[in-house]
Amino acid sequence: MEFLFLFLALTGVIISFWFFITVYKGESETKINIIKDEKEIENGDLRFENDERIFIDISGAVNKPGLYELSPQSRIKDALEKAQGLSTSADSDFFNRNYNLARILVDQEKIYVPSKQEVVNGVFIEGVYTIGQSNISQKIASEKTQGGDKVNINNASQKELESLPGIGPVTARKIIESRPYSSAEELVEKKIVSQKMLDEIKSLIILQ
């Protein structure tokens, strides 16, 4: 009889110990999973939300120029709405012919809308200053020849800008996106090229 009681007591201890270990392990795994989920939210989900935005700089002949936060896949139309549309000084005909409202924007993009006066003065030329792309035109080629083969940084195409010594595709695009320029020194002020590079290309560029 004593042996039976001893056996039952020992069995009870083993069962109790097994039950305690099982419950403790389950609670530990739950805590670990909760901590893991919290870290995923902290380090993953929030970072993902922060990445879900782009910043666009729109200026020129718009009613409210400035830096705007937009969602990915936004288009020029969305940026223009943020800037409350074209101002009265804008050349709306030029804008409608040369700007694609359906084009998808990219982060850190610069959009400049020319005024009527800038178009009249030749700062912006038909078919050349198109947001996101620059096309070679006969007019540009003619002006370049008249200027002694100098490159007009206010309306030159991507290819023409890349013909300058030290100017690659990335720098050429920055030059286009930061137009217009009232002086060559603005290339340095806007941190597009270094002073040393400007000194090298200054005799090869014009700002007509």
N, C-alpha and C. Protein backbone atom coordinates (compact mmCIF):
# COMPACT_ATOMS: atom_id res chain seq x y z
N MET A 1 0.84 -1.21 0.00
CA MET A 1 0.00 0.00 0.00
C MET A 1 0.87 1.25 0.00
N GLU A 2 1.90 1.24 0.86
CA GLU A 2 2.80 2.40 0.90
C GLU A 2 3.45 2.64 -0.45
N PHE A 3 3.81 1.52 -1.10
CA PHE A 3 4.44 1.64 -2.43
C PHE A 3 3.48 2.30 -3.43
N LEU A 4 2.18 1.97 -3.31
CA LEU A 4 1.17 2.54 -4.21
C LEU A 4 1.03 4.05 -4.00
N PHE A 5 0.99 4.44 -2.69
CA PHE A 5 0.90 5.88 -2.39
C PHE A 5 2.13 6.63 -2.90
N LEU A 6 3.28 6.01 -2.73
CA LEU A 6 4.53 6.63 -3.19
C LEU A 6 4.52 6.79 -4.70
N PHE A 7 4.03 5.77 -5.39
CA PHE A 7 3.97 5.81 -6.85
C PHE A 7 3.01 6.91 -7.34
N LEU A 8 1.82 6.99 -6.67
CA LEU A 8 0.85 8.01 -7.06
C LEU A 8 1.38 9.41 -6.79
N ALA A 9 2.08 9.57 -5.66
CA ALA A 9 2.63 10.89 -5.33
C ALA A 9 3.70 11.30 -6.36
N LEU A 10 4.56 10.35 -6.71
CA LEU A 10 5.62 10.63 -7.68
C LEU A 10 5.03 10.96 -9.05
N THR A 11 3.98 10.21 -9.41
CA THR A 11 3.31 10.47 -10.69
C THR A 11 2.70 11.87 -10.70
N GLY A 12 2.10 12.26 -9.57
CA GLY A 12 1.51 13.61 -9.46
C GLY A 12 2.55 14.71 -9.62
N VAL A 13 3.72 14.48 -8.99
CA VAL A 13 4.81 15.47 -9.10
C VAL A 13 5.27 15.61 -10.54
N ILE A 14 5.42 14.48 -11.23
CA ILE A 14 5.87 14.50 -12.63
C ILE A 14 4.87 15.21 -13.51
N ILE A 15 3.57 14.89 -13.30
CA ILE A 15 2.52 15.53 -14.11
C ILE A 15 2.49 17.04 -13.84
N SER A 16 2.60 17.43 -12.57
CA SER A 16 2.58 18.86 -12.21
C SER A 16 3.77 19.59 -12.83
N PHE A 17 4.95 18.95 -12.77
CA PHE A 17 6.15 19.56 -13.36
C PHE A 17 6.02 19.71 -14.87
N TRP A 18 5.49 18.67 -15.52
CA TRP A 18 5.29 18.72 -16.99
C TRP A 18 4.30 19.81 -17.37
N PHE A 19 3.22 19.94 -16.57
CA PHE A 19 2.20 20.96 -16.85
C PHE A 19 2.80 22.36 -16.69
N PHE A 20 3.62 22.57 -15.65
CA PHE A 20 4.25 23.87 -15.40
C PHE A 20 5.19 24.25 -16.54
N ILE A 21 6.00 23.28 -16.97
CA ILE A 21 6.95 23.53 -18.06
C ILE A 21 6.22 23.89 -19.34
N THR A 22 5.13 23.17 -19.62
CA THR A 22 4.36 23.40 -20.85
C THR A 22 3.74 24.79 -20.85
N VAL A 23 3.13 25.17 -19.73
CA VAL A 23 2.49 26.49 -19.64
C VAL A 23 3.53 27.59 -19.73
N TYR A 24 4.64 27.45 -19.02
CA TYR A 24 5.70 28.48 -19.01
C TYR A 24 6.30 28.65 -20.39
N LYS A 25 6.50 27.54 -21.09
CA LYS A 25 7.07 27.60 -22.43
C LYS A 25 6.11 28.32 -23.38
N GLY A 26 4.81 28.02 -23.23
CA GLY A 26 3.81 28.68 -24.08
C GLY A 26 3.78 30.17 -23.85
N GLU A 27 3.84 30.58 -22.55
CA GLU A 27 3.83 32.01 -22.24
C GLU A 27 5.09 32.69 -22.76
N SER A 28 6.23 32.01 -22.66
CA SER A 28 7.49 32.58 -23.14
C SER A 28 7.45 32.79 -24.63
N GLU A 29 6.93 31.78 -25.35
CA GLU A 29 6.84 31.89 -26.81
C GLU A 29 5.91 33.03 -27.20
N THR A 30 4.81 33.18 -26.42
CA THR A 30 3.87 34.27 -26.71
C THR A 30 4.54 35.61 -26.52
N LYS A 31 5.31 35.75 -25.40
CA LYS A 31 6.01 37.00 -25.14
C LYS A 31 7.02 37.29 -26.23
N ILE A 32 7.75 36.26 -26.65
CA ILE A 32 8.74 36.43 -27.70
C ILE A 32 8.09 36.89 -28.99
N ASN A 33 6.95 36.26 -29.32
CA ASN A 33 6.24 36.63 -30.54
C ASN A 33 5.72 38.05 -30.47
N ILE A 34 5.22 38.45 -29.27
CA ILE A 34 4.72 39.81 -29.11
C ILE A 34 5.85 40.81 -29.29
N ILE A 35 7.01 40.53 -28.65
CA ILE A 35 8.16 41.42 -28.79
C ILE A 35 8.62 41.48 -30.24
N LYS A 36 8.64 40.33 -30.88
CA LYS A 36 9.05 40.27 -32.28
C LYS A 36 8.11 41.09 -33.15
N ASP A 37 6.79 40.95 -32.90
CA ASP A 37 5.82 41.70 -33.68
C ASP A 37 5.97 43.20 -33.46
N GLU A 38 6.25 43.58 -32.20
CA GLU A 38 6.43 45.01 -31.90
C GLU A 38 7.65 45.56 -32.63
N LYS A 39 8.71 44.78 -32.67
CA LYS A 39 9.92 45.22 -33.37
C LYS A 39 9.68 45.30 -34.87
N GLU A 40 8.88 44.37 -35.39
CA GLU A 40 8.56 44.41 -36.81
C GLU A 40 7.78 45.69 -37.15
N ILE A 41 6.89 46.08 -36.24
CA ILE A 41 6.12 47.31 -36.47
C ILE A 41 7.05 48.51 -36.37
N GLU A 42 7.92 48.47 -35.31
CA GLU A 42 8.81 49.61 -35.08
C GLU A 42 9.84 49.76 -36.19
N ASN A 43 10.45 48.64 -36.58
CA ASN A 43 11.54 48.69 -37.54
C ASN A 43 11.12 48.45 -38.97
N GLY A 44 9.95 47.90 -39.15
CA GLY A 44 9.53 47.55 -40.50
C GLY A 44 8.37 48.37 -41.01
N ASP A 45 7.21 48.23 -40.35
CA ASP A 45 6.00 48.86 -40.85
C ASP A 45 6.10 50.37 -40.88
N LEU A 46 6.66 50.96 -39.80
CA LEU A 46 6.76 52.41 -39.75
C LEU A 46 7.72 52.92 -40.81
N ARG A 47 8.82 52.18 -40.99
CA ARG A 47 9.77 52.59 -42.02
C ARG A 47 9.13 52.49 -43.40
N PHE A 48 8.30 51.47 -43.58
CA PHE A 48 7.62 51.32 -44.87
C PHE A 48 6.68 52.49 -45.12
N GLU A 49 5.98 52.91 -44.02
CA GLU A 49 5.09 54.05 -44.17
C GLU A 49 5.87 55.31 -44.52
N ASN A 50 7.05 55.49 -43.90
CA ASN A 50 7.86 56.68 -44.18
C ASN A 50 8.35 56.70 -45.61
N ASP A 51 8.56 55.51 -46.19
CA ASP A 51 9.03 55.44 -47.56
C ASP A 51 7.91 55.72 -48.55
N GLU A 52 6.66 55.66 -48.08
CA GLU A 52 5.52 55.82 -48.96
C GLU A 52 5.20 57.29 -49.18
N ARG A 53 6.17 58.06 -49.66
CA ARG A 53 5.96 59.47 -49.95
C ARG A 53 7.11 59.98 -50.81
N ILE A 54 6.84 61.00 -51.57
CA ILE A 54 7.87 61.65 -52.37
C ILE A 54 7.73 63.15 -52.16
N PHE A 55 8.82 63.87 -52.38
CA PHE A 55 8.80 65.32 -52.23
C PHE A 55 9.09 65.97 -53.57
N ILE A 56 8.25 66.93 -53.93
CA ILE A 56 8.35 67.61 -55.22
C ILE A 56 8.50 69.12 -55.00
N ASP A 57 9.43 69.72 -55.72
CA ASP A 57 9.62 71.17 -55.67
C ASP A 57 9.01 71.76 -56.94
N ILE A 58 7.93 72.52 -56.79
CA ILE A 58 7.29 73.14 -57.95
C ILE A 58 7.33 74.66 -57.78
N SER A 59 7.79 75.36 -58.82
CA SER A 59 7.92 76.81 -58.73
C SER A 59 7.67 77.44 -60.09
N GLY A 60 7.92 78.74 -60.16
CA GLY A 60 7.66 79.45 -61.41
C GLY A 60 6.27 80.06 -61.40
N ALA A 61 5.61 80.01 -62.55
CA ALA A 61 4.31 80.67 -62.72
C ALA A 61 3.16 79.80 -62.21
N VAL A 62 3.17 79.52 -60.89
CA VAL A 62 2.08 78.80 -60.24
C VAL A 62 1.61 79.66 -59.07
N ASN A 63 0.39 79.42 -58.60
CA ASN A 63 -0.19 80.26 -57.55
C ASN A 63 0.44 80.06 -56.18
N LYS A 64 0.92 78.85 -55.92
CA LYS A 64 1.51 78.59 -54.61
C LYS A 64 2.74 77.70 -54.75
N PRO A 65 3.86 78.28 -55.18
CA PRO A 65 5.09 77.48 -55.34
C PRO A 65 5.58 76.98 -53.98
N GLY A 66 6.27 75.86 -54.01
CA GLY A 66 6.83 75.34 -52.76
C GLY A 66 7.20 73.88 -52.86
N LEU A 67 7.57 73.32 -51.71
CA LEU A 67 7.93 71.90 -51.60
C LEU A 67 6.70 71.15 -51.10
N TYR A 68 6.31 70.12 -51.85
CA TYR A 68 5.09 69.38 -51.50
C TYR A 68 5.36 67.89 -51.34
N GLU A 69 4.64 67.30 -50.40
CA GLU A 69 4.73 65.85 -50.16
C GLU A 69 3.58 65.18 -50.90
N LEU A 70 3.93 64.20 -51.72
CA LEU A 70 2.93 63.48 -52.49
C LEU A 70 3.11 61.99 -52.31
N SER A 71 2.11 61.23 -52.67
CA SER A 71 2.22 59.78 -52.60
C SER A 71 2.92 59.26 -53.85
N PRO A 72 3.53 58.08 -53.78
CA PRO A 72 4.15 57.49 -54.96
C PRO A 72 3.13 57.33 -56.08
N GLN A 73 3.61 57.34 -57.29
CA GLN A 73 2.77 57.24 -58.48
C GLN A 73 1.95 58.51 -58.74
N SER A 74 2.27 59.59 -58.00
CA SER A 74 1.59 60.86 -58.29
C SER A 74 2.06 61.39 -59.64
N ARG A 75 1.26 62.23 -60.23
CA ARG A 75 1.55 62.75 -61.55
C ARG A 75 1.69 64.28 -61.52
N ILE A 76 2.14 64.84 -62.64
CA ILE A 76 2.31 66.29 -62.69
C ILE A 76 1.00 66.99 -62.35
N LYS A 77 -0.10 66.42 -62.77
CA LYS A 77 -1.42 66.99 -62.47
C LYS A 77 -1.60 67.15 -60.96
N ASP A 78 -1.16 66.17 -60.17
CA ASP A 78 -1.30 66.22 -58.72
C ASP A 78 -0.43 67.33 -58.12
N ALA A 79 0.79 67.46 -58.64
CA ALA A 79 1.69 68.51 -58.15
C ALA A 79 1.13 69.89 -58.48
N LEU A 80 0.55 70.03 -59.66
CA LEU A 80 -0.03 71.31 -60.07
C LEU A 80 -1.23 71.67 -59.18
N GLU A 81 -2.00 70.67 -58.79
CA GLU A 81 -3.13 70.91 -57.90
C GLU A 81 -2.65 71.37 -56.53
N LYS A 82 -1.55 70.78 -56.04
CA LYS A 82 -0.97 71.19 -54.76
C LYS A 82 -0.55 72.66 -54.82
N ALA A 83 -0.02 73.08 -55.97
CA ALA A 83 0.43 74.46 -56.15
C ALA A 83 -0.72 75.39 -56.54
N GLN A 84 -1.94 74.89 -56.49
CA GLN A 84 -3.16 75.65 -56.77
C GLN A 84 -3.21 76.18 -58.20
N GLY A 85 -2.64 75.43 -59.12
CA GLY A 85 -2.78 75.73 -60.53
C GLY A 85 -1.84 76.79 -61.06
N LEU A 86 -1.95 77.04 -62.37
CA LEU A 86 -1.11 78.04 -63.03
C LEU A 86 -1.53 79.44 -62.60
N SER A 87 -0.54 80.33 -62.49
CA SER A 87 -0.84 81.72 -62.16
C SER A 87 -1.23 82.47 -63.43
N THR A 88 -1.65 83.71 -63.27
CA THR A 88 -2.05 84.52 -64.43
C THR A 88 -0.87 84.86 -65.33
N SER A 89 0.34 84.78 -64.78
CA SER A 89 1.53 85.10 -65.58
C SER A 89 2.02 83.91 -66.40
N ALA A 90 1.46 82.73 -66.16
CA ALA A 90 1.91 81.52 -66.86
C ALA A 90 1.49 81.53 -68.32
N ASP A 91 2.33 80.96 -69.17
CA ASP A 91 1.97 80.77 -70.57
C ASP A 91 1.25 79.42 -70.66
N SER A 92 -0.07 79.47 -70.51
CA SER A 92 -0.85 78.23 -70.44
C SER A 92 -0.79 77.44 -71.74
N ASP A 93 -0.73 78.13 -72.88
CA ASP A 93 -0.64 77.43 -74.17
C ASP A 93 0.67 76.66 -74.26
N PHE A 94 1.76 77.31 -73.88
CA PHE A 94 3.07 76.65 -73.88
C PHE A 94 3.06 75.46 -72.93
N PHE A 95 2.48 75.66 -71.74
CA PHE A 95 2.43 74.60 -70.73
C PHE A 95 1.67 73.39 -71.26
N ASN A 96 0.50 73.63 -71.85
CA ASN A 96 -0.34 72.53 -72.33
C ASN A 96 0.32 71.76 -73.47
N ARG A 97 1.15 72.45 -74.26
CA ARG A 97 1.82 71.77 -75.38
C ARG A 97 3.03 70.97 -74.93
N ASN A 98 3.68 71.40 -73.86
CA ASN A 98 4.98 70.83 -73.51
C ASN A 98 5.02 70.03 -72.22
N TYR A 99 4.00 70.12 -71.38
CA TYR A 99 4.01 69.41 -70.10
C TYR A 99 2.97 68.30 -70.13
N ASN A 100 3.40 67.10 -69.82
CA ASN A 100 2.51 65.94 -69.81
C ASN A 100 1.92 65.76 -68.41
N LEU A 101 0.68 66.15 -68.23
CA LEU A 101 0.04 66.08 -66.92
C LEU A 101 -0.07 64.65 -66.39
N ALA A 102 0.02 63.67 -67.27
CA ALA A 102 -0.13 62.27 -66.85
C ALA A 102 1.19 61.63 -66.45
N ARG A 103 2.30 62.36 -66.60
CA ARG A 103 3.60 61.74 -66.31
C ARG A 103 3.77 61.51 -64.82
N ILE A 104 4.27 60.32 -64.45
CA ILE A 104 4.50 59.97 -63.05
C ILE A 104 5.75 60.66 -62.53
N LEU A 105 5.65 61.24 -61.35
CA LEU A 105 6.75 61.99 -60.76
C LEU A 105 7.69 61.07 -59.99
N VAL A 106 8.90 61.57 -59.74
CA VAL A 106 9.88 60.84 -58.93
C VAL A 106 10.29 61.72 -57.76
N ASP A 107 10.81 61.11 -56.71
CA ASP A 107 11.22 61.84 -55.52
C ASP A 107 12.31 62.87 -55.85
N GLN A 108 12.24 64.03 -55.21
CA GLN A 108 13.21 65.11 -55.34
C GLN A 108 13.15 65.80 -56.71
N GLU A 109 12.03 65.67 -57.37
CA GLU A 109 11.92 66.27 -58.70
C GLU A 109 11.63 67.76 -58.62
N LYS A 110 12.19 68.50 -59.58
CA LYS A 110 11.98 69.94 -59.69
C LYS A 110 11.10 70.22 -60.90
N ILE A 111 10.01 70.96 -60.67
CA ILE A 111 9.11 71.35 -61.76
C ILE A 111 9.08 72.88 -61.82
N TYR A 112 9.43 73.42 -62.96
CA TYR A 112 9.41 74.88 -63.13
C TYR A 112 8.46 75.22 -64.27
N VAL A 113 7.48 76.08 -63.97
CA VAL A 113 6.50 76.49 -64.98
C VAL A 113 6.88 77.88 -65.48
N PRO A 114 7.17 78.03 -66.77
CA PRO A 114 7.61 79.32 -67.30
C PRO A 114 6.47 80.33 -67.43
N SER A 115 6.84 81.58 -67.32
CA SER A 115 5.86 82.66 -67.52
C SER A 115 5.82 83.03 -69.01
N LYS A 116 4.83 83.84 -69.37
CA LYS A 116 4.71 84.30 -70.75
C LYS A 116 5.97 85.07 -71.16
N GLN A 117 6.48 85.90 -70.24
CA GLN A 117 7.65 86.72 -70.53
C GLN A 117 8.88 85.86 -70.78
N GLU A 118 9.03 84.79 -70.00
CA GLU A 118 10.18 83.90 -70.18
C GLU A 118 10.12 83.18 -71.52
N VAL A 119 8.93 82.82 -71.95
CA VAL A 119 8.78 82.18 -73.25
C VAL A 119 9.07 83.18 -74.36
N VAL A 120 8.57 84.40 -74.22
CA VAL A 120 8.81 85.45 -75.23
C VAL A 120 10.30 85.75 -75.33
N ASN A 121 10.99 85.77 -74.19
CA ASN A 121 12.42 86.10 -74.18
C ASN A 121 13.30 84.93 -74.62
N GLY A 122 12.69 83.80 -74.89
CA GLY A 122 13.45 82.65 -75.38
C GLY A 122 14.12 81.82 -74.33
N VAL A 123 13.80 82.09 -73.04
CA VAL A 123 14.38 81.28 -71.97
C VAL A 123 13.88 79.83 -72.08
N PHE A 124 12.62 79.69 -72.49
CA PHE A 124 12.03 78.38 -72.72
C PHE A 124 11.59 78.31 -74.17
N ILE A 125 12.00 77.26 -74.84
CA ILE A 125 11.73 77.13 -76.27
C ILE A 125 10.85 75.92 -76.55
N GLU A 126 9.94 76.09 -77.47
CA GLU A 126 8.99 75.04 -77.83
C GLU A 126 9.69 73.71 -78.13
N GLY A 127 9.22 72.65 -77.46
CA GLY A 127 9.72 71.31 -77.74
C GLY A 127 11.05 71.00 -77.12
N VAL A 128 11.63 71.96 -76.35
CA VAL A 128 12.92 71.71 -75.73
C VAL A 128 12.76 71.54 -74.23
N TYR A 129 12.14 72.53 -73.57
CA TYR A 129 11.95 72.39 -72.13
C TYR A 129 10.65 71.65 -71.87
N THR A 130 10.75 70.36 -71.83
CA THR A 130 9.61 69.50 -71.52
C THR A 130 9.97 68.74 -70.26
N ILE A 131 9.11 68.80 -69.26
CA ILE A 131 9.41 68.16 -67.99
C ILE A 131 9.77 66.70 -68.20
N GLY A 132 10.95 66.32 -67.73
CA GLY A 132 11.37 64.93 -67.79
C GLY A 132 12.13 64.57 -69.05
N GLN A 133 12.15 65.44 -70.05
CA GLN A 133 12.90 65.10 -71.25
C GLN A 133 13.25 66.36 -72.02
N SER A 134 14.31 66.31 -72.80
CA SER A 134 14.73 67.43 -73.64
C SER A 134 14.99 66.91 -75.02
N ASN A 135 14.45 67.60 -76.03
CA ASN A 135 14.60 67.17 -77.41
C ASN A 135 15.47 68.16 -78.17
N ILE A 136 16.28 67.66 -79.10
CA ILE A 136 17.10 68.51 -79.93
C ILE A 136 16.22 69.14 -80.99
N SER A 137 16.34 70.41 -81.16
CA SER A 137 15.55 71.10 -82.18
C SER A 137 16.46 71.88 -83.11
N GLN A 138 15.94 72.21 -84.29
CA GLN A 138 16.71 72.97 -85.25
C GLN A 138 17.01 74.36 -84.71
N LYS A 139 16.09 74.89 -83.91
CA LYS A 139 16.31 76.22 -83.37
C LYS A 139 17.50 76.23 -82.42
N ILE A 140 17.60 75.20 -81.58
CA ILE A 140 18.73 75.11 -80.66
C ILE A 140 20.03 74.97 -81.45
N ALA A 141 20.01 74.12 -82.47
CA ALA A 141 21.20 73.91 -83.27
C ALA A 141 21.64 75.20 -83.93
N SER A 142 20.68 76.00 -84.40
CA SER A 142 20.99 77.27 -85.03
C SER A 142 21.61 78.23 -84.03
N GLU A 143 21.01 78.33 -82.84
CA GLU A 143 21.52 79.24 -81.81
C GLU A 143 22.91 78.81 -81.34
N LYS A 144 23.11 77.51 -81.28
CA LYS A 144 24.41 77.02 -80.85
C LYS A 144 25.49 77.41 -81.84
N THR A 145 25.18 77.32 -83.13
CA THR A 145 26.13 77.69 -84.16
C THR A 145 26.42 79.18 -84.11
N GLN A 146 25.35 80.00 -83.94
CA GLN A 146 25.53 81.43 -83.87
C GLN A 146 26.33 81.84 -82.65
N GLY A 147 26.25 81.06 -81.61
CA GLY A 147 26.99 81.38 -80.40
C GLY A 147 28.39 80.83 -80.41
N GLY A 148 28.90 80.43 -81.55
CA GLY A 148 30.26 79.91 -81.63
C GLY A 148 30.38 78.53 -81.02
N ASP A 149 29.36 77.67 -81.26
CA ASP A 149 29.33 76.31 -80.72
C ASP A 149 29.29 76.27 -79.20
N LYS A 150 28.82 77.35 -78.59
CA LYS A 150 28.65 77.35 -77.14
C LYS A 150 27.30 76.73 -76.80
N VAL A 151 27.22 76.14 -75.63
CA VAL A 151 26.00 75.45 -75.20
C VAL A 151 25.17 76.39 -74.32
N ASN A 152 23.92 76.60 -74.71
CA ASN A 152 23.02 77.44 -73.93
C ASN A 152 22.42 76.61 -72.80
N ILE A 153 22.85 76.84 -71.57
CA ILE A 153 22.42 75.99 -70.47
C ILE A 153 20.95 76.19 -70.10
N ASN A 154 20.33 77.23 -70.63
CA ASN A 154 18.92 77.46 -70.33
C ASN A 154 17.97 76.70 -71.24
N ASN A 155 18.50 76.18 -72.35
CA ASN A 155 17.60 75.42 -73.23
C ASN A 155 18.27 74.27 -73.98
N ALA A 156 19.52 73.98 -73.64
CA ALA A 156 20.22 72.89 -74.32
C ALA A 156 19.61 71.54 -73.95
N SER A 157 19.73 70.60 -74.85
CA SER A 157 19.23 69.26 -74.59
C SER A 157 20.19 68.49 -73.69
N GLN A 158 19.73 67.35 -73.21
CA GLN A 158 20.58 66.48 -72.39
C GLN A 158 21.85 66.11 -73.13
N LYS A 159 21.72 65.77 -74.39
CA LYS A 159 22.87 65.35 -75.19
C LYS A 159 23.85 66.49 -75.36
N GLU A 160 23.34 67.70 -75.60
CA GLU A 160 24.22 68.85 -75.77
C GLU A 160 24.97 69.19 -74.48
N LEU A 161 24.29 69.10 -73.36
CA LEU A 161 24.94 69.37 -72.08
C LEU A 161 26.04 68.35 -71.79
N GLU A 162 25.78 67.10 -72.16
CA GLU A 162 26.78 66.05 -71.93
C GLU A 162 28.01 66.21 -72.82
N SER A 163 27.88 67.06 -73.84
CA SER A 163 29.05 67.31 -74.70
C SER A 163 30.08 68.21 -74.01
N LEU A 164 29.68 68.86 -72.92
CA LEU A 164 30.60 69.71 -72.17
C LEU A 164 31.57 68.84 -71.37
N PRO A 165 32.82 69.25 -71.25
CA PRO A 165 33.81 68.44 -70.50
C PRO A 165 33.41 68.29 -69.04
N GLY A 166 33.42 67.05 -68.56
CA GLY A 166 33.13 66.77 -67.16
C GLY A 166 31.65 66.67 -66.83
N ILE A 167 30.77 66.90 -67.80
CA ILE A 167 29.33 66.84 -67.55
C ILE A 167 28.78 65.49 -68.02
N GLY A 168 28.33 64.69 -67.07
CA GLY A 168 27.75 63.40 -67.40
C GLY A 168 26.23 63.45 -67.38
N PRO A 169 25.56 62.31 -67.57
CA PRO A 169 24.09 62.26 -67.61
C PRO A 169 23.42 62.80 -66.35
N VAL A 170 23.96 62.48 -65.17
CA VAL A 170 23.34 62.93 -63.92
C VAL A 170 23.43 64.44 -63.77
N THR A 171 24.61 65.00 -64.03
CA THR A 171 24.79 66.45 -63.90
C THR A 171 23.98 67.18 -64.95
N ALA A 172 23.93 66.63 -66.16
CA ALA A 172 23.14 67.25 -67.23
C ALA A 172 21.67 67.33 -66.83
N ARG A 173 21.18 66.27 -66.23
CA ARG A 173 19.76 66.25 -65.80
C ARG A 173 19.53 67.29 -64.70
N LYS A 174 20.49 67.43 -63.77
CA LYS A 174 20.35 68.42 -62.71
C LYS A 174 20.32 69.83 -63.28
N ILE A 175 21.14 70.06 -64.31
CA ILE A 175 21.15 71.38 -64.96
C ILE A 175 19.78 71.68 -65.55
N ILE A 176 19.20 70.69 -66.21
CA ILE A 176 17.88 70.86 -66.84
C ILE A 176 16.81 71.10 -65.79
N GLU A 177 16.83 70.34 -64.70
CA GLU A 177 15.79 70.43 -63.69
C GLU A 177 15.85 71.73 -62.89
N SER A 178 17.02 72.39 -62.86
CA SER A 178 17.18 73.60 -62.06
C SER A 178 17.08 74.88 -62.88
N ARG A 179 16.70 74.78 -64.14
CA ARG A 179 16.51 75.97 -64.96
C ARG A 179 15.36 76.83 -64.44
N PRO A 180 15.36 78.14 -64.78
CA PRO A 180 16.34 78.86 -65.60
C PRO A 180 17.48 79.42 -64.76
N TYR A 181 18.53 79.91 -65.44
CA TYR A 181 19.68 80.52 -64.80
C TYR A 181 19.84 81.95 -65.31
N SER A 182 20.12 82.86 -64.38
CA SER A 182 20.38 84.24 -64.78
C SER A 182 21.87 84.51 -64.89
N SER A 183 22.67 83.60 -64.35
CA SER A 183 24.13 83.71 -64.46
C SER A 183 24.73 82.31 -64.35
N ALA A 184 25.92 82.16 -64.91
CA ALA A 184 26.60 80.86 -64.87
C ALA A 184 26.94 80.46 -63.44
N GLU A 185 27.15 81.44 -62.59
CA GLU A 185 27.52 81.16 -61.20
C GLU A 185 26.41 80.43 -60.44
N GLU A 186 25.18 80.52 -60.94
CA GLU A 186 24.09 79.81 -60.28
C GLU A 186 24.29 78.30 -60.33
N LEU A 187 25.07 77.81 -61.26
CA LEU A 187 25.36 76.37 -61.32
C LEU A 187 26.08 75.93 -60.06
N VAL A 188 26.93 76.81 -59.53
CA VAL A 188 27.65 76.52 -58.29
C VAL A 188 26.75 76.78 -57.09
N GLU A 189 26.01 77.89 -57.14
CA GLU A 189 25.12 78.25 -56.03
C GLU A 189 24.06 77.18 -55.79
N LYS A 190 23.58 76.58 -56.86
CA LYS A 190 22.57 75.53 -56.74
C LYS A 190 23.20 74.15 -56.53
N LYS A 191 24.53 74.14 -56.36
CA LYS A 191 25.29 72.92 -56.05
C LYS A 191 25.13 71.85 -57.14
N ILE A 192 25.15 72.32 -58.38
CA ILE A 192 25.07 71.39 -59.51
C ILE A 192 26.46 71.00 -59.97
N VAL A 193 27.37 71.97 -60.01
CA VAL A 193 28.77 71.71 -60.36
C VAL A 193 29.66 72.42 -59.35
N SER A 194 30.91 72.01 -59.30
CA SER A 194 31.87 72.68 -58.43
C SER A 194 32.40 73.93 -59.11
N GLN A 195 33.05 74.78 -58.33
CA GLN A 195 33.63 75.99 -58.91
C GLN A 195 34.71 75.64 -59.93
N LYS A 196 35.46 74.59 -59.65
CA LYS A 196 36.52 74.16 -60.56
C LYS A 196 35.93 73.73 -61.90
N MET A 197 34.82 72.98 -61.86
CA MET A 197 34.20 72.54 -63.10
C MET A 197 33.61 73.73 -63.86
N LEU A 198 33.01 74.68 -63.12
CA LEU A 198 32.46 75.86 -63.78
C LEU A 198 33.55 76.63 -64.50
N ASP A 199 34.71 76.75 -63.86
CA ASP A 199 35.82 77.46 -64.50
C ASP A 199 36.23 76.78 -65.81
N GLU A 200 36.09 75.46 -65.86
CA GLU A 200 36.48 74.71 -67.05
C GLU A 200 35.49 74.86 -68.20
N ILE A 201 34.19 75.01 -67.86
CA ILE A 201 33.18 75.05 -68.91
C ILE A 201 32.61 76.45 -69.18
N LYS A 202 33.01 77.42 -68.36
CA LYS A 202 32.41 78.76 -68.44
C LYS A 202 32.56 79.37 -69.83
N SER A 203 33.69 79.14 -70.46
CA SER A 203 33.91 79.72 -71.81
C SER A 203 33.15 78.97 -72.90
N LEU A 204 32.53 77.85 -72.51
CA LEU A 204 31.82 77.03 -73.50
C LEU A 204 30.31 77.14 -73.39
N ILE A 205 29.83 77.95 -72.42
CA ILE A 205 28.38 78.04 -72.21
C ILE A 205 27.89 79.47 -72.36
N ILE A 206 26.59 79.60 -72.68
CA ILE A 206 25.94 80.89 -72.76
C ILE A 206 24.59 80.81 -72.06
N LEU A 207 23.96 81.97 -71.83
CA LEU A 207 22.67 81.99 -71.14
C LEU A 207 21.68 82.88 -71.89
N GLN A 208 21.62 82.78 -73.18
CA GLN A 208 20.71 83.62 -73.96
C GLN A 208 19.27 83.24 -73.68
